[in-house]
Amino acid sequence: MVFPLLTLVDRAFSRYGWMAQLLIWIAFDVVRIKGFIGYAYGVIGYSQYGWRSLIAIADIFGVMGVSLLVAYPSFLIGGYLLDSGFGAVGNGLKPAAGWKKPGRFWLVSAGIWAALMLTANVYGIASKVDYAEAEKWRPALVQHNVNTWLTGIDAWRIALDALLEESDKAVAEDPDALIWSETSFVPAIEWHLKYRKDRDRVELINTLKGFLKDKDIPVILGNNDAIQDAGKRVEYNAVLLFDKEEIVDKYRKIHLVPFSEHFPYAKTFPRLMAYIQSQGTPIYGMGSEYSVFNLGKWDGPDVSPLICFEDTFGNLARNFVREGAEVLVNVTNDSWSPEPASAIQHQNMAIFRAVENRRSMVRATTSGLTCVIDPNGKVTAKLDPFTQGYLIADVPVYTGRTTIYTRFGDWFEKLLIILVVPMLATAAVLQLMRMVRRRKEISDNDSGKSRGSSHRSRK
């Protein structure tokens, strides 16, 4: 879809086409992360996660502002090479006859990029958060390293045994809270305690309750929450907050993974829905409330949970912060992939959520990457992926700044769309006018040739 648009503006705007192509490319990234099938993986700005003075501009523009600076030189160089005659078709990548060295236009364009990069980095250094005086929160993040995609009571017992083993060791160090990963405990706790149709699951829940009953700290864990709705059981991917054995708050996942958690077109495509369910896919209900867990009873901060890939969407984290979250808590199960790179990539996207809102984030994962991220986007502590253990670290509770991104959200993304749509319309009109003009010229030439031929015939 996007490459014909790149071709259109290149032909319509000549040497300025690369600028239009740059905007289209970033706007395409904006569009493809929205809606039911939206995925933020592959957005090029995330590649700069380690360049903290550069990614600081995300607290103004979001990740797309970083993407613009990353993509800019690629389109600039491509536009220059085409304009200069470098690499004529069929001759390989070498100067063609009449190749031109960069003129003033291209040097100015390169200078603008250099100035933008310099300005971004100066801003990043000047805007760095100083949280030395901020209160510290000291949670224990448990990584039990059991593939919770494996199902059945035996697999769940193995997972719970590992969770309890690491939690007992962590609690002995007197943390401020205990946090388990997404769906770390699978059987829906409230459902099975209410209906008690499955003895094995109830026994497993009672084992968990026995662990919780004497804990004087808040416990946050992922669980499949379930309710009865119009005679049908509806499950949610949820996070529960426990005060000893009692559930005192919960969050139900708002942005569900397409096809593997959510498929809204079941009636339109029943066979596809049947196939999805035949693969053992858990279809969840969609939550609607941006929950904030108040840990004031335990002298803790207000925290908000993001489940799994929800921390790859800037607007979700922003909404939680606007609701009052002082620390973001991501619970994730990335055990779907046996490669550490997948967990690392996920963590690197989560870094931007901390920067955008200037809030700390903690991540408790099944198999990695369990870590603490400060408001500047620095990973201050982490566990290695695919290891069993727990992480206790100081988390700065910084709330000293409300960023432009937190206030106004994805305004930069909206601006891109506002610029790109009329730009494409203009390019289409220009090309159409040129086509009409060329056809008229061809028609006029043909008419002239025809008149000339007729005159010769008569003569």
Foldseek 3Di string as FASTA:
>chain_A
DQVVLLVLLCVLPPLCSLVLSLLSVLLVLVVQLDDQQHDNPPQVLLVVLPVLLQLLCCLAANSSVSSSLVCQVVSLVVSLCVVQCAQPPPPGGGRDPRGDDDDPVSVVSVVVSVVVRVVSSVCSVVVDDDLVVFDWAKEKFFALLQQPVDDDLVSLVSLVVSVLVQVVVVVVVPGQEYEAFFQSREDAQVVCVVPVPDVSSPVVSVVVLVSQQPDQHKYKYWYFHWDQDPNDIATFGKIFIDRRNDTDDMFGAARDNRLQAADPCCVVCVVSVVVSVVVVRHHHDHTDDQDWDPRVVSPDATETEHEALSLLDQVSLLVNVVVPHLEYEYHYEPVVDPDVVVQVSSLSSSLSNLSNAQHKYFYRYHFDWGFIAGSSSDTPDTDRGSDGHMDIDIYGRDDPDGGNCSVPNNPNSVVSVVVSPVSSVVSVVSVVVVVVVVVVVVVVVVVVVVVVVVVVVVD
